[in-house]
N, C-alpha and C. Protein backbone atom coordinates (compact mmCIF):
# COMPACT_ATOMS: atom_id res chain seq x y z
N UNK A 1 54.28 27.52 104.56
CA UNK A 1 53.77 28.71 105.18
C UNK A 1 54.79 29.34 106.13
N UNK A 2 55.52 28.47 106.85
CA UNK A 2 56.54 28.96 107.76
C UNK A 2 57.65 29.69 106.99
N UNK A 3 57.95 29.16 105.78
CA UNK A 3 59.00 29.78 104.98
C UNK A 3 58.60 31.20 104.56
N UNK A 4 57.34 31.36 104.18
CA UNK A 4 56.86 32.67 103.76
C UNK A 4 56.90 33.65 104.92
N UNK A 5 56.50 33.22 106.09
CA UNK A 5 56.52 34.08 107.28
C UNK A 5 57.95 34.46 107.63
N UNK A 6 58.87 33.50 107.49
CA UNK A 6 60.27 33.76 107.80
C UNK A 6 60.86 34.78 106.81
N UNK A 7 60.53 34.62 105.52
CA UNK A 7 61.02 35.54 104.49
C UNK A 7 60.47 36.95 104.72
N UNK A 8 59.18 37.03 105.07
CA UNK A 8 58.57 38.33 105.35
C UNK A 8 59.22 39.00 106.55
N UNK A 9 59.50 38.23 107.58
CA UNK A 9 60.14 38.77 108.79
C UNK A 9 61.54 39.29 108.46
N UNK A 10 62.28 38.52 107.65
CA UNK A 10 63.61 38.97 107.26
C UNK A 10 63.56 40.22 106.40
N UNK A 11 62.60 40.27 105.50
CA UNK A 11 62.46 41.44 104.63
C UNK A 11 62.16 42.69 105.44
N UNK A 12 61.36 42.54 106.49
CA UNK A 12 61.06 43.68 107.35
C UNK A 12 62.24 44.05 108.25
N UNK A 13 63.02 43.07 108.65
CA UNK A 13 64.12 43.32 109.59
C UNK A 13 65.35 43.90 108.89
N UNK A 14 65.57 43.60 107.61
CA UNK A 14 66.78 44.07 106.92
C UNK A 14 66.92 45.60 106.90
N UNK A 15 65.89 46.36 106.57
CA UNK A 15 66.08 47.82 106.58
C UNK A 15 66.46 48.36 107.96
N UNK A 16 65.89 47.77 109.02
CA UNK A 16 66.23 48.22 110.38
C UNK A 16 67.66 47.86 110.73
N UNK A 17 68.11 46.71 110.27
CA UNK A 17 69.49 46.28 110.53
C UNK A 17 70.47 47.20 109.80
N UNK A 18 70.12 47.59 108.60
CA UNK A 18 71.01 48.47 107.83
C UNK A 18 71.13 49.84 108.49
N UNK A 19 70.03 50.38 108.99
CA UNK A 19 70.11 51.69 109.65
C UNK A 19 70.83 51.58 110.98
N UNK A 20 70.73 50.46 111.64
CA UNK A 20 71.42 50.28 112.91
C UNK A 20 72.93 50.26 112.70
N UNK A 21 73.38 49.72 111.58
CA UNK A 21 74.81 49.68 111.31
C UNK A 21 75.35 51.06 110.93
N UNK A 22 74.56 51.87 110.26
CA UNK A 22 75.06 53.18 109.84
C UNK A 22 74.99 54.22 110.95
N UNK A 23 74.20 54.01 111.96
CA UNK A 23 74.05 54.98 113.03
C UNK A 23 75.36 55.25 113.77
N UNK A 24 76.17 54.25 114.13
CA UNK A 24 77.42 54.55 114.82
C UNK A 24 78.43 55.31 113.94
N UNK A 25 78.32 55.20 112.65
CA UNK A 25 79.27 55.88 111.76
C UNK A 25 79.10 57.38 111.78
N UNK A 26 77.92 57.87 112.08
CA UNK A 26 77.69 59.31 112.08
C UNK A 26 78.52 60.03 113.13
N UNK A 27 78.58 59.57 114.35
CA UNK A 27 79.44 60.28 115.31
C UNK A 27 80.91 60.28 114.89
N UNK A 28 81.35 59.20 114.26
CA UNK A 28 82.74 59.15 113.81
C UNK A 28 82.98 60.20 112.73
N UNK A 29 82.02 60.36 111.83
CA UNK A 29 82.15 61.36 110.77
C UNK A 29 82.17 62.76 111.37
N UNK A 30 81.34 62.97 112.39
CA UNK A 30 81.33 64.28 113.05
C UNK A 30 82.66 64.55 113.73
N UNK A 31 83.24 63.53 114.33
CA UNK A 31 84.52 63.70 115.01
C UNK A 31 85.63 64.05 114.01
N UNK A 32 85.59 63.39 112.84
CA UNK A 32 86.58 63.69 111.81
C UNK A 32 86.41 65.11 111.28
N UNK A 33 85.15 65.52 111.13
CA UNK A 33 84.89 66.88 110.63
C UNK A 33 85.39 67.92 111.62
N UNK A 34 85.28 67.60 112.92
CA UNK A 34 85.76 68.54 113.93
C UNK A 34 87.28 68.65 113.90
N UNK A 35 87.97 67.55 113.58
CA UNK A 35 89.43 67.55 113.55
C UNK A 35 89.98 68.29 112.34
N UNK A 36 89.22 68.31 111.22
CA UNK A 36 89.70 68.97 110.01
C UNK A 36 89.84 70.47 110.25
N UNK A 37 90.92 71.06 109.73
CA UNK A 37 91.10 72.50 109.95
C UNK A 37 90.00 73.28 109.24
N UNK A 38 89.54 74.35 109.85
CA UNK A 38 88.47 75.14 109.21
C UNK A 38 88.97 75.79 107.93
N UNK A 39 88.09 75.90 106.95
CA UNK A 39 88.44 76.54 105.69
C UNK A 39 88.58 78.03 105.93
N UNK A 40 89.67 78.58 105.42
CA UNK A 40 89.90 80.01 105.59
C UNK A 40 89.13 80.76 104.51
N UNK A 41 88.33 81.70 104.92
CA UNK A 41 87.56 82.52 103.99
C UNK A 41 88.22 83.89 103.90
N UNK A 42 88.39 84.36 102.69
CA UNK A 42 88.96 85.68 102.47
C UNK A 42 87.79 86.65 102.30
N UNK A 43 87.80 87.72 103.08
CA UNK A 43 86.68 88.65 102.96
C UNK A 43 86.75 89.39 101.62
N UNK A 44 85.64 89.90 101.18
CA UNK A 44 85.50 90.51 99.86
C UNK A 44 86.42 91.72 99.67
N UNK A 45 86.57 92.55 100.69
CA UNK A 45 87.40 93.75 100.54
C UNK A 45 88.87 93.39 100.37
N UNK A 46 89.33 92.34 101.04
CA UNK A 46 90.72 91.91 100.89
C UNK A 46 90.95 91.33 99.50
N UNK A 47 90.00 90.56 99.00
CA UNK A 47 90.12 90.00 97.65
C UNK A 47 90.14 91.11 96.61
N UNK A 48 89.33 92.12 96.81
CA UNK A 48 89.28 93.25 95.87
C UNK A 48 90.59 94.02 95.89
N UNK A 49 91.17 94.22 97.07
CA UNK A 49 92.43 94.95 97.18
C UNK A 49 93.55 94.20 96.46
N UNK A 50 93.57 92.89 96.60
CA UNK A 50 94.59 92.09 95.92
C UNK A 50 94.39 92.16 94.41
N UNK A 51 93.16 92.08 93.94
CA UNK A 51 92.84 92.15 92.52
C UNK A 51 93.28 93.47 91.91
N UNK A 52 93.09 94.56 92.65
CA UNK A 52 93.43 95.89 92.13
C UNK A 52 94.92 96.07 91.91
N UNK A 53 95.75 95.46 92.75
CA UNK A 53 97.19 95.65 92.62
C UNK A 53 97.86 94.54 91.82
N UNK A 54 97.14 93.49 91.49
CA UNK A 54 97.71 92.39 90.70
C UNK A 54 97.78 92.81 89.24
N UNK A 55 98.97 92.77 88.65
CA UNK A 55 99.06 93.17 87.24
C UNK A 55 98.38 92.15 86.34
N UNK A 56 97.90 92.65 85.22
CA UNK A 56 97.28 91.77 84.23
C UNK A 56 98.39 91.00 83.53
N UNK A 57 98.19 89.72 83.32
CA UNK A 57 99.22 88.89 82.70
C UNK A 57 99.54 89.39 81.30
N UNK A 58 100.83 89.60 81.04
CA UNK A 58 101.27 90.05 79.72
C UNK A 58 101.45 88.87 78.77
N UNK A 59 101.74 87.72 79.34
CA UNK A 59 101.99 86.55 78.52
C UNK A 59 100.70 86.11 77.84
N UNK A 60 100.81 85.92 76.55
CA UNK A 60 99.64 85.48 75.81
C UNK A 60 100.11 84.68 74.61
N UNK A 61 99.56 83.52 74.46
CA UNK A 61 99.92 82.69 73.31
C UNK A 61 99.00 82.99 72.13
N UNK A 62 98.14 83.97 72.27
CA UNK A 62 97.18 84.31 71.24
C UNK A 62 97.86 85.16 70.16
N UNK A 63 97.72 84.71 68.94
CA UNK A 63 98.27 85.44 67.80
C UNK A 63 97.10 86.00 67.01
N UNK A 64 97.10 87.31 66.83
CA UNK A 64 95.99 87.96 66.13
C UNK A 64 96.16 87.88 64.62
N UNK A 65 95.06 87.65 63.93
CA UNK A 65 95.06 87.62 62.48
C UNK A 65 94.87 89.05 61.95
N UNK A 66 94.97 89.20 60.65
CA UNK A 66 94.73 90.51 60.04
C UNK A 66 93.29 90.96 60.28
N UNK A 67 92.35 90.02 60.24
CA UNK A 67 90.95 90.36 60.50
C UNK A 67 90.76 90.84 61.94
N UNK A 68 91.46 90.19 62.89
CA UNK A 68 91.38 90.61 64.29
C UNK A 68 91.94 92.01 64.48
N UNK A 69 93.05 92.30 63.81
CA UNK A 69 93.67 93.63 63.91
C UNK A 69 92.77 94.70 63.29
N UNK A 70 92.01 94.32 62.24
CA UNK A 70 91.07 95.26 61.63
C UNK A 70 89.93 95.56 62.60
N UNK A 71 89.48 94.55 63.34
CA UNK A 71 88.45 94.76 64.36
C UNK A 71 88.99 95.65 65.46
N UNK A 72 90.24 95.44 65.85
CA UNK A 72 90.86 96.22 66.94
C UNK A 72 90.88 97.71 66.62
N UNK A 73 91.00 98.07 65.35
CA UNK A 73 91.03 99.47 64.96
C UNK A 73 89.68 100.15 65.17
N UNK A 74 88.60 99.38 65.24
CA UNK A 74 87.25 99.94 65.38
C UNK A 74 86.77 100.00 66.84
N UNK A 75 87.58 99.53 67.78
CA UNK A 75 87.19 99.52 69.19
C UNK A 75 87.13 100.95 69.71
N UNK A 76 86.03 101.27 70.38
CA UNK A 76 85.84 102.58 70.97
C UNK A 76 86.58 102.62 72.31
N UNK A 77 87.54 103.53 72.44
CA UNK A 77 88.37 103.62 73.65
C UNK A 77 87.84 104.68 74.59
N UNK A 78 88.22 104.58 75.84
CA UNK A 78 87.86 105.58 76.84
C UNK A 78 86.91 105.02 77.88
N UNK A 79 86.35 105.95 78.64
CA UNK A 79 85.45 105.58 79.72
C UNK A 79 84.02 105.57 79.20
N UNK A 80 83.34 104.46 79.40
CA UNK A 80 81.94 104.31 79.00
C UNK A 80 81.06 104.32 80.25
N UNK A 81 80.07 105.20 80.27
CA UNK A 81 79.12 105.25 81.38
C UNK A 81 78.05 104.20 81.14
N UNK A 82 77.72 103.46 82.17
CA UNK A 82 76.76 102.36 82.05
C UNK A 82 75.56 102.62 82.95
N UNK A 83 74.56 101.76 82.82
CA UNK A 83 73.37 101.91 83.66
C UNK A 83 73.73 101.59 85.11
N UNK A 84 72.90 102.05 86.00
CA UNK A 84 73.05 101.86 87.44
C UNK A 84 74.34 102.47 87.99
N UNK A 85 74.86 103.50 87.31
CA UNK A 85 76.03 104.23 87.81
C UNK A 85 77.36 103.55 87.60
N UNK A 86 77.39 102.44 86.92
CA UNK A 86 78.66 101.74 86.67
C UNK A 86 79.40 102.42 85.51
N UNK A 87 80.68 102.10 85.39
CA UNK A 87 81.44 102.57 84.23
C UNK A 87 82.50 101.53 83.88
N UNK A 88 82.89 101.53 82.62
CA UNK A 88 83.90 100.60 82.10
C UNK A 88 84.91 101.43 81.32
N UNK A 89 86.18 101.17 81.55
CA UNK A 89 87.24 101.86 80.83
C UNK A 89 87.94 100.88 79.90
N UNK A 90 88.03 101.25 78.64
CA UNK A 90 88.72 100.43 77.63
C UNK A 90 89.94 101.22 77.16
N UNK A 91 91.12 100.62 77.31
CA UNK A 91 92.37 101.26 76.90
C UNK A 91 93.19 100.29 76.06
N UNK A 92 93.80 100.82 75.01
CA UNK A 92 94.65 99.99 74.15
C UNK A 92 95.93 99.64 74.91
N UNK A 93 96.40 98.42 74.73
CA UNK A 93 97.66 98.00 75.35
C UNK A 93 98.80 98.55 74.51
N UNK A 94 99.64 99.36 75.11
CA UNK A 94 100.73 100.00 74.38
C UNK A 94 101.81 99.00 73.97
N UNK A 95 101.99 97.95 74.77
CA UNK A 95 103.06 97.00 74.50
C UNK A 95 102.70 95.99 73.42
N UNK A 96 101.42 95.67 73.30
CA UNK A 96 101.01 94.65 72.35
C UNK A 96 99.82 95.15 71.53
N UNK A 97 100.05 95.58 70.29
CA UNK A 97 98.96 96.10 69.46
C UNK A 97 97.84 95.08 69.26
N UNK A 98 96.61 95.56 69.33
CA UNK A 98 95.46 94.70 69.15
C UNK A 98 94.88 94.18 70.46
N UNK A 99 95.61 94.34 71.56
CA UNK A 99 95.13 93.91 72.86
C UNK A 99 94.64 95.12 73.64
N UNK A 100 93.70 94.89 74.56
CA UNK A 100 93.07 95.97 75.30
C UNK A 100 92.99 95.62 76.78
N UNK A 101 93.08 96.65 77.62
CA UNK A 101 92.86 96.50 79.06
C UNK A 101 91.49 97.09 79.36
N UNK A 102 90.61 96.25 79.85
CA UNK A 102 89.24 96.64 80.17
C UNK A 102 89.08 96.53 81.68
N UNK A 103 88.61 97.60 82.32
CA UNK A 103 88.47 97.57 83.77
C UNK A 103 87.15 98.18 84.21
N UNK A 104 86.64 97.63 85.31
CA UNK A 104 85.43 98.13 85.95
C UNK A 104 85.40 97.66 87.39
N UNK A 105 84.98 98.52 88.30
CA UNK A 105 84.80 98.17 89.71
C UNK A 105 85.98 97.40 90.30
N UNK A 106 87.20 97.77 89.96
CA UNK A 106 88.37 97.11 90.51
C UNK A 106 88.73 95.80 89.83
N UNK A 107 88.02 95.40 88.81
CA UNK A 107 88.31 94.17 88.08
C UNK A 107 88.95 94.55 86.75
N UNK A 108 90.05 93.88 86.42
CA UNK A 108 90.77 94.19 85.19
C UNK A 108 90.80 92.96 84.29
N UNK A 109 90.62 93.19 83.01
CA UNK A 109 90.68 92.12 82.02
C UNK A 109 91.66 92.50 80.92
N UNK A 110 92.34 91.53 80.38
CA UNK A 110 93.21 91.73 79.21
C UNK A 110 92.50 91.04 78.06
N UNK A 111 92.01 91.83 77.12
CA UNK A 111 91.16 91.29 76.07
C UNK A 111 91.78 91.45 74.70
N UNK A 112 91.33 90.59 73.81
CA UNK A 112 91.75 90.66 72.41
C UNK A 112 90.52 90.55 71.52
N UNK A 113 90.59 91.11 70.31
CA UNK A 113 89.43 91.06 69.42
C UNK A 113 89.18 89.66 68.86
N UNK A 114 87.90 89.38 68.66
CA UNK A 114 87.48 88.11 68.07
C UNK A 114 86.51 88.46 66.95
N UNK A 115 86.75 87.92 65.78
CA UNK A 115 85.88 88.20 64.64
C UNK A 115 84.48 87.62 64.91
N UNK A 116 83.45 88.41 64.60
CA UNK A 116 82.08 87.93 64.79
C UNK A 116 81.33 87.94 63.46
N UNK A 117 80.38 87.04 63.35
CA UNK A 117 79.61 86.94 62.11
C UNK A 117 78.64 88.10 61.94
N UNK A 118 78.26 88.73 63.05
CA UNK A 118 77.26 89.80 62.99
C UNK A 118 77.86 91.16 62.68
N UNK A 119 79.16 91.28 62.79
CA UNK A 119 79.80 92.58 62.58
C UNK A 119 79.99 93.37 63.86
N UNK A 120 79.47 92.86 64.96
CA UNK A 120 79.66 93.53 66.25
C UNK A 120 81.13 93.39 66.66
N UNK A 121 81.62 94.35 67.40
CA UNK A 121 83.00 94.28 67.90
C UNK A 121 82.97 93.48 69.19
N UNK A 122 83.81 92.47 69.23
CA UNK A 122 83.81 91.55 70.37
C UNK A 122 85.23 91.39 70.88
N UNK A 123 85.43 91.69 72.16
CA UNK A 123 86.71 91.49 72.81
C UNK A 123 86.53 90.39 73.86
N UNK A 124 87.52 89.51 73.99
CA UNK A 124 87.40 88.42 74.95
C UNK A 124 88.65 88.28 75.80
N UNK A 125 88.43 87.85 77.04
CA UNK A 125 89.50 87.44 77.94
C UNK A 125 89.21 85.98 78.26
N UNK A 126 89.82 85.05 77.52
CA UNK A 126 89.48 83.64 77.72
C UNK A 126 89.87 83.12 79.10
N UNK A 127 90.91 83.67 79.70
CA UNK A 127 91.34 83.23 81.03
C UNK A 127 90.27 83.53 82.08
N UNK A 128 89.73 84.73 82.03
CA UNK A 128 88.71 85.14 83.02
C UNK A 128 87.30 84.81 82.56
N UNK A 129 87.12 84.52 81.28
CA UNK A 129 85.78 84.22 80.78
C UNK A 129 84.94 85.47 80.57
N UNK A 130 85.60 86.61 80.35
CA UNK A 130 84.87 87.86 80.17
C UNK A 130 84.80 88.24 78.70
N UNK A 131 83.76 88.99 78.35
CA UNK A 131 83.57 89.44 76.97
C UNK A 131 83.03 90.86 76.97
N UNK A 132 83.59 91.70 76.10
CA UNK A 132 83.12 93.08 75.87
C UNK A 132 82.49 93.08 74.49
N UNK A 133 81.21 93.37 74.42
CA UNK A 133 80.49 93.40 73.16
C UNK A 133 80.13 94.84 72.86
N UNK A 134 80.60 95.34 71.72
CA UNK A 134 80.40 96.74 71.36
C UNK A 134 79.59 96.85 70.08
N UNK A 135 78.47 97.55 70.17
CA UNK A 135 77.65 97.87 69.01
C UNK A 135 77.84 99.35 68.71
N UNK A 136 77.19 99.85 67.68
CA UNK A 136 77.33 101.26 67.34
C UNK A 136 76.81 102.19 68.41
N UNK A 137 75.71 101.80 69.08
CA UNK A 137 75.07 102.70 70.04
C UNK A 137 75.24 102.32 71.51
N UNK A 138 75.76 101.13 71.80
CA UNK A 138 75.96 100.73 73.20
C UNK A 138 76.90 99.54 73.28
N UNK A 139 77.35 99.25 74.50
CA UNK A 139 78.24 98.12 74.76
C UNK A 139 77.82 97.44 76.04
N UNK A 140 78.34 96.22 76.26
CA UNK A 140 78.09 95.51 77.51
C UNK A 140 79.28 94.63 77.85
N UNK A 141 79.51 94.45 79.14
CA UNK A 141 80.57 93.59 79.64
C UNK A 141 79.90 92.39 80.29
N UNK A 142 80.31 91.21 79.85
CA UNK A 142 79.66 89.99 80.35
C UNK A 142 80.68 89.01 80.90
N UNK A 143 80.25 88.22 81.87
CA UNK A 143 81.03 87.11 82.38
C UNK A 143 80.42 85.86 81.78
N UNK A 144 81.11 85.27 80.80
CA UNK A 144 80.55 84.11 80.10
C UNK A 144 80.53 82.87 80.97
N UNK A 145 81.47 82.73 81.88
CA UNK A 145 81.50 81.55 82.75
C UNK A 145 80.29 81.51 83.66
N UNK A 146 79.95 82.68 84.23
CA UNK A 146 78.81 82.75 85.15
C UNK A 146 77.50 83.06 84.43
N UNK A 147 77.59 83.47 83.18
CA UNK A 147 76.39 83.81 82.42
C UNK A 147 75.73 85.09 82.92
N UNK A 148 76.55 86.06 83.35
CA UNK A 148 76.02 87.31 83.92
C UNK A 148 76.52 88.51 83.14
N UNK A 149 75.71 89.57 83.15
CA UNK A 149 76.16 90.85 82.61
C UNK A 149 76.78 91.63 83.77
N UNK A 150 78.01 92.01 83.59
CA UNK A 150 78.70 92.78 84.63
C UNK A 150 78.30 94.25 84.51
N UNK A 151 78.24 94.76 83.28
CA UNK A 151 77.83 96.14 83.02
C UNK A 151 77.04 96.16 81.72
N UNK A 152 75.92 96.89 81.72
CA UNK A 152 75.04 96.91 80.55
C UNK A 152 74.71 98.36 80.18
N UNK A 153 74.28 98.54 78.95
CA UNK A 153 73.90 99.86 78.44
C UNK A 153 75.05 100.87 78.60
N UNK A 154 76.26 100.43 78.30
CA UNK A 154 77.44 101.31 78.40
C UNK A 154 77.58 102.12 77.12
N UNK A 155 77.94 103.40 77.27
CA UNK A 155 78.09 104.28 76.12
C UNK A 155 79.27 105.23 76.30
N UNK A 156 80.12 105.27 75.27
CA UNK A 156 81.16 106.29 75.22
C UNK A 156 80.52 107.51 74.55
N UNK A 157 81.24 108.62 74.49
CA UNK A 157 80.71 109.83 73.84
C UNK A 157 80.40 109.54 72.37
N UNK A 158 81.23 108.76 71.74
CA UNK A 158 81.04 108.38 70.34
C UNK A 158 79.73 107.59 70.16
N UNK A 159 79.46 106.68 71.08
CA UNK A 159 78.24 105.87 70.99
C UNK A 159 77.00 106.68 71.31
N UNK A 160 77.11 107.66 72.20
CA UNK A 160 75.97 108.54 72.50
C UNK A 160 75.59 109.31 71.24
N UNK A 161 76.60 109.82 70.53
CA UNK A 161 76.34 110.56 69.29
C UNK A 161 75.69 109.66 68.25
N UNK A 162 76.16 108.42 68.14
CA UNK A 162 75.57 107.47 67.19
C UNK A 162 74.13 107.16 67.55
N UNK A 163 73.86 107.02 68.85
CA UNK A 163 72.50 106.74 69.33
C UNK A 163 71.55 107.89 69.00
N UNK A 164 72.02 109.12 69.19
CA UNK A 164 71.21 110.29 68.87
C UNK A 164 70.90 110.34 67.37
N UNK A 165 71.89 110.00 66.56
CA UNK A 165 71.70 109.97 65.11
C UNK A 165 70.67 108.91 64.72
N UNK A 166 70.69 107.79 65.42
CA UNK A 166 69.71 106.72 65.15
C UNK A 166 68.29 107.18 65.48
N UNK A 167 68.16 108.01 66.52
CA UNK A 167 66.84 108.53 66.87
C UNK A 167 66.32 109.50 65.81
N UNK A 168 67.23 110.32 65.27
CA UNK A 168 66.84 111.29 64.25
C UNK A 168 66.55 110.60 62.91
N UNK A 169 67.39 109.65 62.56
CA UNK A 169 67.24 108.93 61.29
C UNK A 169 67.23 107.42 61.58
N UNK A 170 66.08 106.90 61.98
CA UNK A 170 66.03 105.47 62.34
C UNK A 170 66.37 104.58 61.14
N UNK A 171 67.00 103.44 61.42
CA UNK A 171 67.33 102.53 60.33
C UNK A 171 66.06 101.93 59.73
N UNK A 172 66.16 101.50 58.48
CA UNK A 172 65.00 100.91 57.81
C UNK A 172 64.62 99.60 58.48
N UNK A 173 63.33 99.35 58.49
CA UNK A 173 62.83 98.09 59.03
C UNK A 173 63.19 96.96 58.08
N UNK A 174 63.35 95.78 58.61
CA UNK A 174 63.64 94.63 57.77
C UNK A 174 62.51 94.36 56.78
N UNK A 175 61.29 94.71 57.17
CA UNK A 175 60.13 94.42 56.33
C UNK A 175 59.73 95.59 55.43
N UNK A 176 60.41 96.72 55.59
CA UNK A 176 60.09 97.88 54.78
C UNK A 176 60.42 97.59 53.31
N UNK A 177 59.44 97.77 52.46
CA UNK A 177 59.64 97.51 51.04
C UNK A 177 59.37 96.06 50.65
N UNK A 178 59.04 95.21 51.62
CA UNK A 178 58.77 93.80 51.31
C UNK A 178 57.51 93.65 50.48
N UNK A 179 56.49 94.51 50.73
CA UNK A 179 55.24 94.44 49.96
C UNK A 179 55.46 94.85 48.51
N UNK A 180 56.33 95.82 48.30
CA UNK A 180 56.61 96.29 46.94
C UNK A 180 57.33 95.21 46.13
N UNK A 181 58.14 94.39 46.79
CA UNK A 181 58.88 93.35 46.10
C UNK A 181 57.96 92.24 45.61
N UNK A 182 56.82 92.01 46.32
CA UNK A 182 55.89 90.96 45.93
C UNK A 182 55.13 91.30 44.66
N UNK A 183 54.91 92.57 44.39
CA UNK A 183 54.10 92.97 43.23
C UNK A 183 54.79 92.79 41.94
């Protein structure tokens, strides 16, 4: 019986002993944290100013295929107006055919075409993790790393005209004519 009481007493005392040993370590950790130099934070406007004047890297180990160059010919160039007052400018790179400079809100991307299974035009900047997706009637700029849309519902003059044509002559439904095929 004495052994059981002794074991129970030790079992109860061990957690208190462990916390007693860790308590003095906390002030030491606080003292070390105070000695460490404070992390320098760069304000947003300074970061934006640096980004605006930093040239886009010309070096690229990416070699475009014939299919990629065919996609590049279909890219809609110019300024696209987007929802919420944003805009995106897509310009062909004069030095390297098939590459594009895409910019919005002081952010610049150097993109290249990527073949897609759906037929949509897709430009990517693998370094920055950005993607420009262009459909016939609209486009969007996305940050794939963060999983965010940077600009949505973007349209060039060419895409506005295509969108208007779609309203006048809507595309056929996937199910249109399906009943006739069953008969």
